[in-house]
PDB file of all heavy atoms in Angstrom:
ATOM      1  N   VAL A   1    -131.290 -18.171  88.414  1.00  0.00           N
ATOM      2  CA  VAL A   1    -131.849 -19.045  87.351  1.00  0.00           C
ATOM      3  C   VAL A   1    -132.729 -20.112  87.908  1.00  0.00           C
ATOM      4  O   VAL A   1    -133.872 -20.357  87.416  1.00  0.00           O
ATOM      5  CB  VAL A   1    -130.723 -19.657  86.514  1.00  0.00           C
ATOM      6  CG1 VAL A   1    -131.270 -20.660  85.522  1.00  0.00           C
ATOM      7  CG2 VAL A   1    -129.912 -18.591  85.777  1.00  0.00           C
ATOM      8  N   LYS A   2    -132.304 -20.763  88.986  1.00  0.00           N
ATOM      9  CA  LYS A   2    -133.159 -21.778  89.610  1.00  0.00           C
ATOM     10  C   LYS A   2    -134.451 -21.209  90.149  1.00  0.00           C
ATOM     11  O   LYS A   2    -135.519 -21.860  89.976  1.00  0.00           O
ATOM     12  CB  LYS A   2    -132.371 -22.451  90.743  1.00  0.00           C
ATOM     13  CG  LYS A   2    -131.220 -23.367  90.289  1.00  0.00           C
ATOM     14  CD  LYS A   2    -130.551 -24.043  91.491  1.00  0.00           C
ATOM     15  CE  LYS A   2    -129.548 -25.069  91.056  1.00  0.00           C
ATOM     16  NZ  LYS A   2    -128.870 -25.735  92.180  1.00  0.00           N
ATOM     17  N   HIS A   3    -134.404 -20.075  90.736  1.00  0.00           N
ATOM     18  CA  HIS A   3    -135.577 -19.468  91.300  1.00  0.00           C
ATOM     19  C   HIS A   3    -136.561 -19.074  90.199  1.00  0.00           C
ATOM     20  O   HIS A   3    -137.764 -19.344  90.295  1.00  0.00           O
ATOM     21  CB  HIS A   3    -135.205 -18.209  92.121  1.00  0.00           C
ATOM     22  CG  HIS A   3    -136.358 -17.552  92.844  1.00  0.00           C
ATOM     23  ND1 HIS A   3    -136.749 -17.885  94.092  1.00  0.00           N
ATOM     24  CD2 HIS A   3    -137.239 -16.592  92.437  1.00  0.00           C
ATOM     25  CE1 HIS A   3    -137.797 -17.199  94.460  1.00  0.00           C
ATOM     26  NE2 HIS A   3    -138.064 -16.364  93.445  1.00  0.00           N
ATOM     27  N   VAL A   4    -136.092 -18.404  89.167  1.00  0.00           N
ATOM     28  CA  VAL A   4    -136.937 -17.982  88.082  1.00  0.00           C
ATOM     29  C   VAL A   4    -137.559 -19.142  87.340  1.00  0.00           C
ATOM     30  O   VAL A   4    -138.744 -19.122  86.981  1.00  0.00           O
ATOM     31  CB  VAL A   4    -136.150 -17.099  87.140  1.00  0.00           C
ATOM     32  CG1 VAL A   4    -136.928 -16.822  85.822  1.00  0.00           C
ATOM     33  CG2 VAL A   4    -135.795 -15.734  87.798  1.00  0.00           C
ATOM     34  N   ARG A   5    -136.793 -20.195  87.200  1.00  0.00           N
ATOM     35  CA  ARG A   5    -137.323 -21.416  86.505  1.00  0.00           C
ATOM     36  C   ARG A   5    -138.539 -21.993  87.270  1.00  0.00           C
ATOM     37  O   ARG A   5    -139.492 -22.474  86.658  1.00  0.00           O
ATOM     38  CB  ARG A   5    -136.255 -22.529  86.406  1.00  0.00           C
ATOM     39  CG  ARG A   5    -135.147 -22.197  85.444  1.00  0.00           C
ATOM     40  CD  ARG A   5    -134.196 -23.403  85.323  1.00  0.00           C
ATOM     41  NE  ARG A   5    -134.756 -24.500  84.545  1.00  0.00           N
ATOM     42  CZ  ARG A   5    -134.129 -25.630  84.287  1.00  0.00           C
ATOM     43  NH1 ARG A   5    -132.836 -25.800  84.724  1.00  0.00           N
ATOM     44  NH2 ARG A   5    -134.691 -26.616  83.604  1.00  0.00           N
ATOM     45  N   SER A   6    -138.441 -21.918  88.586  1.00  0.00           N
ATOM     46  CA  SER A   6    -139.494 -22.619  89.437  1.00  0.00           C
ATOM     47  C   SER A   6    -140.607 -21.665  89.871  1.00  0.00           C
ATOM     48  O   SER A   6    -141.483 -22.074  90.633  1.00  0.00           O
ATOM     49  CB  SER A   6    -138.823 -23.236  90.660  1.00  0.00           C
ATOM     50  OG  SER A   6    -138.172 -22.244  91.440  1.00  0.00           O
ATOM     51  N   HIS A   7    -140.602 -20.448  89.373  1.00  0.00           N
ATOM     52  CA  HIS A   7    -141.641 -19.466  89.815  1.00  0.00           C
ATOM     53  C   HIS A   7    -142.292 -18.799  88.550  1.00  0.00           C
ATOM     54  O   HIS A   7    -141.990 -17.653  88.268  1.00  0.00           O
ATOM     55  CB  HIS A   7    -141.087 -18.419  90.721  1.00  0.00           C
ATOM     56  CG  HIS A   7    -140.768 -18.887  92.096  1.00  0.00           C
ATOM     57  ND1 HIS A   7    -139.633 -19.610  92.411  1.00  0.00           N
ATOM     58  CD2 HIS A   7    -141.473 -18.830  93.274  1.00  0.00           C
ATOM     59  CE1 HIS A   7    -139.667 -19.942  93.708  1.00  0.00           C
ATOM     60  NE2 HIS A   7    -140.772 -19.469  94.210  1.00  0.00           N
ATOM     61  N   PRO A   8    -143.117 -19.557  87.875  1.00  0.00           N
ATOM     62  CA  PRO A   8    -143.741 -19.023  86.637  1.00  0.00           C
ATOM     63  C   PRO A   8    -144.665 -17.851  86.919  1.00  0.00           C
ATOM     64  O   PRO A   8    -144.934 -17.045  86.008  1.00  0.00           O
ATOM     65  CB  PRO A   8    -144.522 -20.176  86.056  1.00  0.00           C
ATOM     66  CG  PRO A   8    -144.736 -21.112  87.206  1.00  0.00           C
ATOM     67  CD  PRO A   8    -143.485 -20.963  88.071  1.00  0.00           C
ATOM     68  N   GLU A   9    -145.090 -17.688  88.195  1.00  0.00           N
ATOM     69  CA  GLU A   9    -145.976 -16.606  88.520  1.00  0.00           C
ATOM     70  C   GLU A   9    -145.266 -15.232  88.296  1.00  0.00           C
ATOM     71  O   GLU A   9    -145.910 -14.219  88.101  1.00  0.00           O
ATOM     72  CB  GLU A   9    -146.499 -16.719  89.941  1.00  0.00           C
ATOM     73  CG  GLU A   9    -145.499 -16.486  91.055  1.00  0.00           C
ATOM     74  CD  GLU A   9    -144.646 -17.726  91.363  1.00  0.00           C
ATOM     75  OE1 GLU A   9    -144.740 -18.727  90.632  1.00  0.00           O
ATOM     76  OE2 GLU A   9    -143.845 -17.637  92.344  1.00  0.00           O
ATOM     77  N   LEU A  10    -143.940 -15.256  88.393  1.00  0.00           N
ATOM     78  CA  LEU A  10    -143.197 -13.993  88.133  1.00  0.00           C
ATOM     79  C   LEU A  10    -143.419 -13.512  86.728  1.00  0.00           C
ATOM     80  O   LEU A  10    -143.628 -12.339  86.480  1.00  0.00           O
ATOM     81  CB  LEU A  10    -141.685 -14.242  88.345  1.00  0.00           C
ATOM     82  CG  LEU A  10    -141.201 -14.337  89.802  1.00  0.00           C
ATOM     83  CD1 LEU A  10    -139.708 -14.788  89.825  1.00  0.00           C
ATOM     84  CD2 LEU A  10    -141.349 -13.050  90.524  1.00  0.00           C
ATOM     85  N   ARG A  11    -143.413 -14.481  85.752  1.00  0.00           N
ATOM     86  CA  ARG A  11    -143.608 -14.152  84.387  1.00  0.00           C
ATOM     87  C   ARG A  11    -145.060 -13.708  84.138  1.00  0.00           C
ATOM     88  O   ARG A  11    -145.260 -12.751  83.390  1.00  0.00           O
ATOM     89  CB  ARG A  11    -143.257 -15.338  83.499  1.00  0.00           C
ATOM     90  CG  ARG A  11    -141.748 -15.578  83.410  1.00  0.00           C
ATOM     91  CD  ARG A  11    -141.344 -16.792  82.577  1.00  0.00           C
ATOM     92  NE  ARG A  11    -141.581 -18.050  83.281  1.00  0.00           N
ATOM     93  CZ  ARG A  11    -140.774 -18.477  84.223  1.00  0.00           C
ATOM     94  NH1 ARG A  11    -139.751 -17.778  84.637  1.00  0.00           N
ATOM     95  NH2 ARG A  11    -140.974 -19.660  84.825  1.00  0.00           N
ATOM     96  N   THR A  12    -145.977 -14.370  84.749  1.00  0.00           N
ATOM     97  CA  THR A  12    -147.396 -13.968  84.587  1.00  0.00           C
ATOM     98  C   THR A  12    -147.605 -12.590  85.092  1.00  0.00           C
ATOM     99  O   THR A  12    -148.275 -11.736  84.419  1.00  0.00           O
ATOM    100  CB  THR A  12    -148.303 -14.972  85.348  1.00  0.00           C
ATOM    101  OG1 THR A  12    -148.093 -16.275  84.843  1.00  0.00           O
ATOM    102  CG2 THR A  12    -149.761 -14.623  85.170  1.00  0.00           C
ATOM    103  N   HIS A  13    -147.115 -12.253  86.295  1.00  0.00           N
ATOM    104  CA  HIS A  13    -147.289 -10.927  86.873  1.00  0.00           C
ATOM    105  C   HIS A  13    -146.605  -9.864  86.051  1.00  0.00           C
ATOM    106  O   HIS A  13    -147.107  -8.760  85.824  1.00  0.00           O
ATOM    107  CB  HIS A  13    -146.776 -10.930  88.319  1.00  0.00           C
ATOM    108  CG  HIS A  13    -147.197  -9.733  89.114  1.00  0.00           C
ATOM    109  ND1 HIS A  13    -146.659  -9.406  90.311  1.00  0.00           N
ATOM    110  CD2 HIS A  13    -148.104  -8.757  88.815  1.00  0.00           C
ATOM    111  CE1 HIS A  13    -147.210  -8.314  90.803  1.00  0.00           C
ATOM    112  NE2 HIS A  13    -148.060  -7.874  89.872  1.00  0.00           N
ATOM    113  N   HIS A  14    -145.387 -10.221  85.535  1.00  0.00           N
ATOM    114  CA  HIS A  14    -144.623  -9.301  84.716  1.00  0.00           C
ATOM    115  C   HIS A  14    -145.431  -8.877  83.429  1.00  0.00           C
ATOM    116  O   HIS A  14    -145.524  -7.682  83.095  1.00  0.00           O
ATOM    117  CB  HIS A  14    -143.288  -9.927  84.328  1.00  0.00           C
ATOM    118  CG  HIS A  14    -142.415  -9.055  83.523  1.00  0.00           C
ATOM    119  ND1 HIS A  14    -141.814  -9.479  82.342  1.00  0.00           N
ATOM    120  CD2 HIS A  14    -142.005  -7.770  83.691  1.00  0.00           C
ATOM    121  CE1 HIS A  14    -141.096  -8.508  81.831  1.00  0.00           C
ATOM    122  NE2 HIS A  14    -141.211  -7.456  82.628  1.00  0.00           N
ATOM    123  N   GLN A  15    -146.013  -9.862  82.786  1.00  0.00           N
ATOM    124  CA  GLN A  15    -146.769  -9.592  81.581  1.00  0.00           C
ATOM    125  C   GLN A  15    -148.006  -8.757  81.920  1.00  0.00           C
ATOM    126  O   GLN A  15    -148.430  -7.831  81.125  1.00  0.00           O
ATOM    127  CB  GLN A  15    -147.157 -10.904  80.917  1.00  0.00           C
ATOM    128  CG  GLN A  15    -146.043 -11.657  80.277  1.00  0.00           C
ATOM    129  CD  GLN A  15    -145.368 -10.882  79.160  1.00  0.00           C
ATOM    130  OE1 GLN A  15    -146.072 -10.287  78.319  1.00  0.00           O
ATOM    131  NE2 GLN A  15    -144.048 -10.908  79.098  1.00  0.00           N
ATOM    132  N   GLU A  16    -148.635  -9.026  83.061  1.00  0.00           N
ATOM    133  CA  GLU A  16    -149.832  -8.253  83.462  1.00  0.00           C
ATOM    134  C   GLU A  16    -149.454  -6.800  83.689  1.00  0.00           C
ATOM    135  O   GLU A  16    -150.171  -5.870  83.300  1.00  0.00           O
ATOM    136  CB  GLU A  16    -150.434  -8.860  84.709  1.00  0.00           C
ATOM    137  CG  GLU A  16    -151.684  -8.116  85.235  1.00  0.00           C
ATOM    138  CD  GLU A  16    -151.317  -6.944  86.130  1.00  0.00           C
ATOM    139  OE1 GLU A  16    -150.377  -7.038  86.928  1.00  0.00           O
ATOM    140  OE2 GLU A  16    -152.004  -5.927  86.046  1.00  0.00           O
ATOM    141  N   ARG A  17    -148.302  -6.545  84.369  1.00  0.00           N
ATOM    142  CA  ARG A  17    -147.873  -5.207  84.650  1.00  0.00           C
ATOM    143  C   ARG A  17    -147.621  -4.440  83.320  1.00  0.00           C
ATOM    144  O   ARG A  17    -148.028  -3.244  83.195  1.00  0.00           O
ATOM    145  CB  ARG A  17    -146.669  -5.185  85.481  1.00  0.00           C
ATOM    146  CG  ARG A  17    -146.838  -5.712  86.918  1.00  0.00           C
ATOM    147  CD  ARG A  17    -147.552  -4.632  87.811  1.00  0.00           C
ATOM    148  NE  ARG A  17    -148.947  -4.629  87.632  1.00  0.00           N
ATOM    149  CZ  ARG A  17    -149.754  -3.711  88.141  1.00  0.00           C
ATOM    150  NH1 ARG A  17    -149.242  -2.707  88.843  1.00  0.00           N
ATOM    151  NH2 ARG A  17    -151.071  -3.727  87.870  1.00  0.00           N
ATOM    152  N   ALA A  18    -146.966  -5.057  82.378  1.00  0.00           N
ATOM    153  CA  ALA A  18    -146.705  -4.424  81.070  1.00  0.00           C
ATOM    154  C   ALA A  18    -147.970  -4.112  80.334  1.00  0.00           C
ATOM    155  O   ALA A  18    -148.151  -2.997  79.783  1.00  0.00           O
ATOM    156  CB  ALA A  18    -145.799  -5.323  80.235  1.00  0.00           C
ATOM    157  N   ALA A  19    -148.905  -5.043  80.344  1.00  0.00           N
ATOM    158  CA  ALA A  19    -150.163  -4.858  79.631  1.00  0.00           C
ATOM    159  C   ALA A  19    -150.991  -3.735  80.277  1.00  0.00           C
ATOM    160  O   ALA A  19    -151.596  -2.916  79.602  1.00  0.00           O
ATOM    161  CB  ALA A  19    -151.003  -6.133  79.645  1.00  0.00           C
ATOM    162  N   THR A  20    -150.919  -3.660  81.626  1.00  0.00           N
ATOM    163  CA  THR A  20    -151.647  -2.612  82.374  1.00  0.00           C
ATOM    164  C   THR A  20    -151.080  -1.265  82.003  1.00  0.00           C
ATOM    165  O   THR A  20    -151.862  -0.309  81.761  1.00  0.00           O
ATOM    166  CB  THR A  20    -151.593  -2.885  83.875  1.00  0.00           C
ATOM    167  OG1 THR A  20    -152.271  -4.125  84.175  1.00  0.00           O
ATOM    168  CG2 THR A  20    -152.249  -1.757  84.629  1.00  0.00           C
ATOM    169  N   LEU A  21    -149.759  -1.102  82.003  1.00  0.00           N
ATOM    170  CA  LEU A  21    -149.192   0.173  81.722  1.00  0.00           C
ATOM    171  C   LEU A  21    -149.484   0.596  80.258  1.00  0.00           C
ATOM    172  O   LEU A  21    -149.829   1.793  80.056  1.00  0.00           O
ATOM    173  CB  LEU A  21    -147.702   0.188  81.948  1.00  0.00           C
ATOM    174  CG  LEU A  21    -146.977   1.517  81.755  1.00  0.00           C
ATOM    175  CD1 LEU A  21    -147.517   2.565  82.671  1.00  0.00           C
ATOM    176  CD2 LEU A  21    -145.483   1.374  81.875  1.00  0.00           C
ATOM    177  N   LYS A  22    -149.412  -0.346  79.316  1.00  0.00           N
ATOM    178  CA  LYS A  22    -149.772   0.012  77.969  1.00  0.00           C
ATOM    179  C   LYS A  22    -151.193   0.525  77.859  1.00  0.00           C
ATOM    180  O   LYS A  22    -151.460   1.524  77.193  1.00  0.00           O
ATOM    181  CB  LYS A  22    -149.630  -1.213  77.052  1.00  0.00           C
ATOM    182  CG  LYS A  22    -148.191  -1.630  76.761  1.00  0.00           C
ATOM    183  CD  LYS A  22    -148.212  -2.906  75.962  1.00  0.00           C
ATOM    184  CE  LYS A  22    -146.825  -3.528  75.848  1.00  0.00           C
ATOM    185  NZ  LYS A  22    -146.840  -4.804  75.125  1.00  0.00           N
ATOM    186  N   ARG A  23    -152.070  -0.148  78.540  1.00  0.00           N
ATOM    187  CA  ARG A  23    -153.463   0.258  78.505  1.00  0.00           C
ATOM    188  C   ARG A  23    -153.686   1.639  79.141  1.00  0.00           C
ATOM    189  O   ARG A  23    -154.414   2.479  78.553  1.00  0.00           O
ATOM    190  CB  ARG A  23    -154.356  -0.798  79.242  1.00  0.00           C
ATOM    191  CG  ARG A  23    -155.836  -0.411  79.371  1.00  0.00           C
ATOM    192  CD  ARG A  23    -156.628  -1.488  80.093  1.00  0.00           C
ATOM    193  NE  ARG A  23    -156.124  -1.823  81.374  1.00  0.00           N
ATOM    194  CZ  ARG A  23    -156.285  -1.099  82.489  1.00  0.00           C
ATOM    195  NH1 ARG A  23    -157.001  -0.001  82.411  1.00  0.00           N
ATOM    196  NH2 ARG A  23    -155.787  -1.481  83.617  1.00  0.00           N
ATOM    197  N   LEU A  24    -153.051   1.874  80.271  1.00  0.00           N
ATOM    198  CA  LEU A  24    -153.229   3.140  80.967  1.00  0.00           C
ATOM    199  C   LEU A  24    -152.681   4.338  80.100  1.00  0.00           C
ATOM    200  O   LEU A  24    -153.371   5.367  79.946  1.00  0.00           O
ATOM    201  CB  LEU A  24    -152.512   3.125  82.285  1.00  0.00           C
ATOM    202  CG  LEU A  24    -153.142   2.281  83.402  1.00  0.00           C
ATOM    203  CD1 LEU A  24    -152.235   2.188  84.618  1.00  0.00           C
ATOM    204  CD2 LEU A  24    -154.527   2.801  83.793  1.00  0.00           C
ATOM    205  N   LEU A  25    -151.505   4.134  79.548  1.00  0.00           N
ATOM    206  CA  LEU A  25    -150.897   5.183  78.739  1.00  0.00           C
ATOM    207  C   LEU A  25    -151.751   5.365  77.400  1.00  0.00           C
ATOM    208  O   LEU A  25    -151.934   6.531  76.986  1.00  0.00           O
ATOM    209  CB  LEU A  25    -149.450   4.791  78.359  1.00  0.00           C
ATOM    210  CG  LEU A  25    -148.472   4.773  79.519  1.00  0.00           C
ATOM    211  CD1 LEU A  25    -147.107   4.262  79.038  1.00  0.00           C
ATOM    212  CD2 LEU A  25    -148.313   6.187  80.097  1.00  0.00           C
ATOM    213  N   GLY A  26    -152.161   4.284  76.821  1.00  0.00           N
ATOM    214  CA  GLY A  26    -152.955   4.415  75.608  1.00  0.00           C
ATOM    215  C   GLY A  26    -154.310   5.090  75.833  1.00  0.00           C
ATOM    216  O   GLY A  26    -154.730   5.978  75.087  1.00  0.00           O
ATOM    217  N   ASP A  27    -154.944   4.732  76.929  1.00  0.00           N
ATOM    218  CA  ASP A  27    -156.219   5.366  77.263  1.00  0.00           C
ATOM    219  C   ASP A  27    -156.121   6.837  77.514  1.00  0.00           C
ATOM    220  O   ASP A  27    -157.035   7.626  77.273  1.00  0.00           O
ATOM    221  CB  ASP A  27    -156.873   4.633  78.487  1.00  0.00           C
ATOM    222  CG  ASP A  27    -157.385   3.252  78.196  1.00  0.00           C
ATOM    223  OD1 ASP A  27    -157.422   2.911  76.942  1.00  0.00           O
ATOM    224  OD2 ASP A  27    -157.697   2.521  79.165  1.00  0.00           O
ATOM    225  N   ALA A  28    -154.915   7.232  78.009  1.00  0.00           N
ATOM    226  CA  ALA A  28    -154.709   8.668  78.286  1.00  0.00           C
ATOM    227  C   ALA A  28    -154.257   9.433  77.049  1.00  0.00           C
ATOM    228  O   ALA A  28    -154.069  10.683  77.129  1.00  0.00           O
ATOM    229  CB  ALA A  28    -153.697   8.823  79.432  1.00  0.00           C
ATOM    230  N   GLY A  29    -154.049   8.720  75.953  1.00  0.00           N
ATOM    231  CA  GLY A  29    -153.703   9.378  74.682  1.00  0.00           C
ATOM    232  C   GLY A  29    -152.233   9.604  74.436  1.00  0.00           C
ATOM    233  O   GLY A  29    -151.873  10.291  73.502  1.00  0.00           O
ATOM    234  N   PHE A  30    -151.387   8.942  75.212  1.00  0.00           N
ATOM    235  CA  PHE A  30    -149.955   9.027  74.940  1.00  0.00           C
ATOM    236  C   PHE A  30    -149.583   8.141  73.737  1.00  0.00           C
ATOM    237  O   PHE A  30    -150.156   7.078  73.504  1.00  0.00           O
ATOM    238  CB  PHE A  30    -149.162   8.580  76.186  1.00  0.00           C
ATOM    239  CG  PHE A  30    -149.265   9.620  77.309  1.00  0.00           C
ATOM    240  CD1 PHE A  30    -150.125   9.316  78.385  1.00  0.00           C
ATOM    241  CD2 PHE A  30    -148.543  10.785  77.271  1.00  0.00           C
ATOM    242  CE1 PHE A  30    -150.209  10.244  79.412  1.00  0.00           C
ATOM    243  CE2 PHE A  30    -148.642  11.657  78.314  1.00  0.00           C
ATOM    244  CZ  PHE A  30    -149.484  11.424  79.395  1.00  0.00           C
ATOM    245  N   PRO A  31    -148.572   8.568  72.953  1.00  0.00           N
ATOM    246  CA  PRO A  31    -148.202   7.838  71.742  1.00  0.00           C
ATOM    247  C   PRO A  31    -147.381   6.577  72.049  1.00  0.00           C
ATOM    248  O   PRO A  31    -146.176   6.505  71.765  1.00  0.00           O
ATOM    249  CB  PRO A  31    -147.368   8.837  70.973  1.00  0.00           C
ATOM    250  CG  PRO A  31    -146.775   9.713  72.057  1.00  0.00           C
ATOM    251  CD  PRO A  31    -147.765   9.822  73.158  1.00  0.00           C
ATOM    252  N   VAL A  32    -148.049   5.552  72.578  1.00  0.00           N
ATOM    253  CA  VAL A  32    -147.417   4.274  72.874  1.00  0.00           C
ATOM    254  C   VAL A  32    -147.133   3.558  71.557  1.00  0.00           C
ATOM    255  O   VAL A  32    -148.075   3.355  70.734  1.00  0.00           O
ATOM    256  CB  VAL A  32    -148.287   3.405  73.793  1.00  0.00           C
ATOM    257  CG1 VAL A  32    -147.594   2.088  74.084  1.00  0.00           C
ATOM    258  CG2 VAL A  32    -148.599   4.158  75.071  1.00  0.00           C
ATOM    259  N   MET A  33    -145.913   3.181  71.272  1.00  0.00           N
ATOM    260  CA  MET A  33    -145.551   2.472  70.067  1.00  0.00           C
ATOM    261  C   MET A  33    -146.038   1.023  70.167  1.00  0.00           C
ATOM    262  O   MET A  33    -146.065   0.459  71.233  1.00  0.00           O
ATOM    263  CB  MET A  33    -144.052   2.542  69.839  1.00  0.00           C
ATOM    264  CG  MET A  33    -143.549   3.975  69.742  1.00  0.00           C
ATOM    265  SD  MET A  33    -141.707   4.105  69.743  1.00  0.00           S
ATOM    266  CE  MET A  33    -141.324   3.323  68.199  1.00  0.00           C
ATOM    267  N   PRO A  34    -146.395   0.412  69.039  1.00  0.00           N
ATOM    268  CA  PRO A  34    -146.853  -0.985  69.070  1.00  0.00           C
ATOM    269  C   PRO A  34    -145.776  -1.908  69.670  1.00  0.00           C
ATOM    270  O   PRO A  34    -144.593  -1.825  69.298  1.00  0.00           O
ATOM    271  CB  PRO A  34    -147.114  -1.295  67.573  1.00  0.00           C
ATOM    272  CG  PRO A  34    -147.276   0.053  66.910  1.00  0.00           C
ATOM    273  CD  PRO A  34    -146.469   1.053  67.666  1.00  0.00           C
ATOM    274  N   SER A  35    -146.210  -2.771  70.541  1.00  0.00           N
ATOM    275  CA  SER A  35    -145.230  -3.725  71.163  1.00  0.00           C
ATOM    276  C   SER A  35    -146.039  -4.934  71.621  1.00  0.00           C
ATOM    277  O   SER A  35    -147.044  -4.778  72.258  1.00  0.00           O
ATOM    278  CB  SER A  35    -144.548  -3.048  72.401  1.00  0.00           C
ATOM    279  OG  SER A  35    -143.936  -4.020  73.171  1.00  0.00           O
ATOM    280  N   VAL A  36    -145.482  -6.082  71.280  1.00  0.00           N
ATOM    281  CA  VAL A  36    -146.149  -7.335  71.677  1.00  0.00           C
ATOM    282  C   VAL A  36    -145.469  -8.002  72.883  1.00  0.00           C
ATOM    283  O   VAL A  36    -145.719  -9.094  73.237  1.00  0.00           O
ATOM    284  CB  VAL A  36    -146.177  -8.322  70.470  1.00  0.00           C
ATOM    285  CG1 VAL A  36    -147.042  -7.816  69.362  1.00  0.00           C
ATOM    286  CG2 VAL A  36    -144.813  -8.659  70.007  1.00  0.00           C
ATOM    287  N   SER A  37    -144.566  -7.198  73.468  1.00  0.00           N
ATOM    288  CA  SER A  37    -143.761  -7.748  74.564  1.00  0.00           C
ATOM    289  C   SER A  37    -143.901  -6.895  75.815  1.00  0.00           C
ATOM    290  O   SER A  37    -144.815  -6.091  75.919  1.00  0.00           O
ATOM    291  CB  SER A  37    -142.269  -7.876  74.124  1.00  0.00           C
ATOM    292  OG  SER A  37    -141.728  -6.514  73.991  1.00  0.00           O
ATOM    293  N   HIS A  38    -142.984  -7.074  76.709  1.00  0.00           N
ATOM    294  CA  HIS A  38    -142.980  -6.316  78.010  1.00  0.00           C
ATOM    295  C   HIS A  38    -142.390  -4.921  77.834  1.00  0.00           C
ATOM    296  O   HIS A  38    -142.425  -4.142  78.793  1.00  0.00           O
ATOM    297  CB  HIS A  38    -142.202  -7.075  79.043  1.00  0.00           C
ATOM    298  CG  HIS A  38    -140.733  -7.308  78.684  1.00  0.00           C
ATOM    299  ND1 HIS A  38    -140.333  -8.264  77.747  1.00  0.00           N
ATOM    300  CD2 HIS A  38    -139.599  -6.638  79.039  1.00  0.00           C
ATOM    301  CE1 HIS A  38    -139.044  -8.167  77.603  1.00  0.00           C
ATOM    302  NE2 HIS A  38    -138.548  -7.202  78.378  1.00  0.00           N
ATOM    303  N   ILE A  39    -141.835  -4.612  76.677  1.00  0.00           N
ATOM    304  CA  ILE A  39    -141.301  -3.279  76.451  1.00  0.00           C
ATOM    305  C   ILE A  39    -142.420  -2.287  76.138  1.00  0.00           C
ATOM    306  O   ILE A  39    -143.264  -2.577  75.323  1.00  0.00           O
ATOM    307  CB  ILE A  39    -140.272  -3.305  75.239  1.00  0.00           C
ATOM    308  CG1 ILE A  39    -139.220  -4.420  75.483  1.00  0.00           C
ATOM    309  CG2 ILE A  39    -139.637  -1.978  75.027  1.00  0.00           C
ATOM    310  CD1 ILE A  39    -138.302  -4.195  76.673  1.00  0.00           C
ATOM    311  N   VAL A  40    -142.365  -1.102  76.768  1.00  0.00           N
ATOM    312  CA  VAL A  40    -143.416  -0.101  76.569  1.00  0.00           C
ATOM    313  C   VAL A  40    -142.795   1.171  76.119  1.00  0.00           C
ATOM    314  O   VAL A  40    -142.415   2.062  76.915  1.00  0.00           O
ATOM    315  CB  VAL A  40    -144.213   0.126  77.877  1.00  0.00           C
ATOM    316  CG1 VAL A  40    -145.370   1.089  77.624  1.00  0.00           C
ATOM    317  CG2 VAL A  40    -144.720  -1.145  78.465  1.00  0.00           C
ATOM    318  N   PRO A  41    -142.610   1.331  74.755  1.00  0.00           N
ATOM    319  CA  PRO A  41    -141.978   2.558  74.256  1.00  0.00           C
ATOM    320  C   PRO A  41    -142.978   3.663  73.922  1.00  0.00           C
ATOM    321  O   PRO A  41    -144.067   3.389  73.411  1.00  0.00           O
ATOM    322  CB  PRO A  41    -141.315   2.051  72.945  1.00  0.00           C
ATOM    323  CG  PRO A  41    -142.084   0.840  72.527  1.00  0.00           C
ATOM    324  CD  PRO A  41    -142.869   0.353  73.734  1.00  0.00           C
TER     325      PRO A  41
END
């Protein structure tokens, strides 16, 4: 908890990874369900 609180770059990188995977899957035509979070269904 202490580490995560003091390292906001973890959250930034996490969001970037989720957005990147959504984009890659969507561009390839896979049926990615709408998601505004880090979940990629």
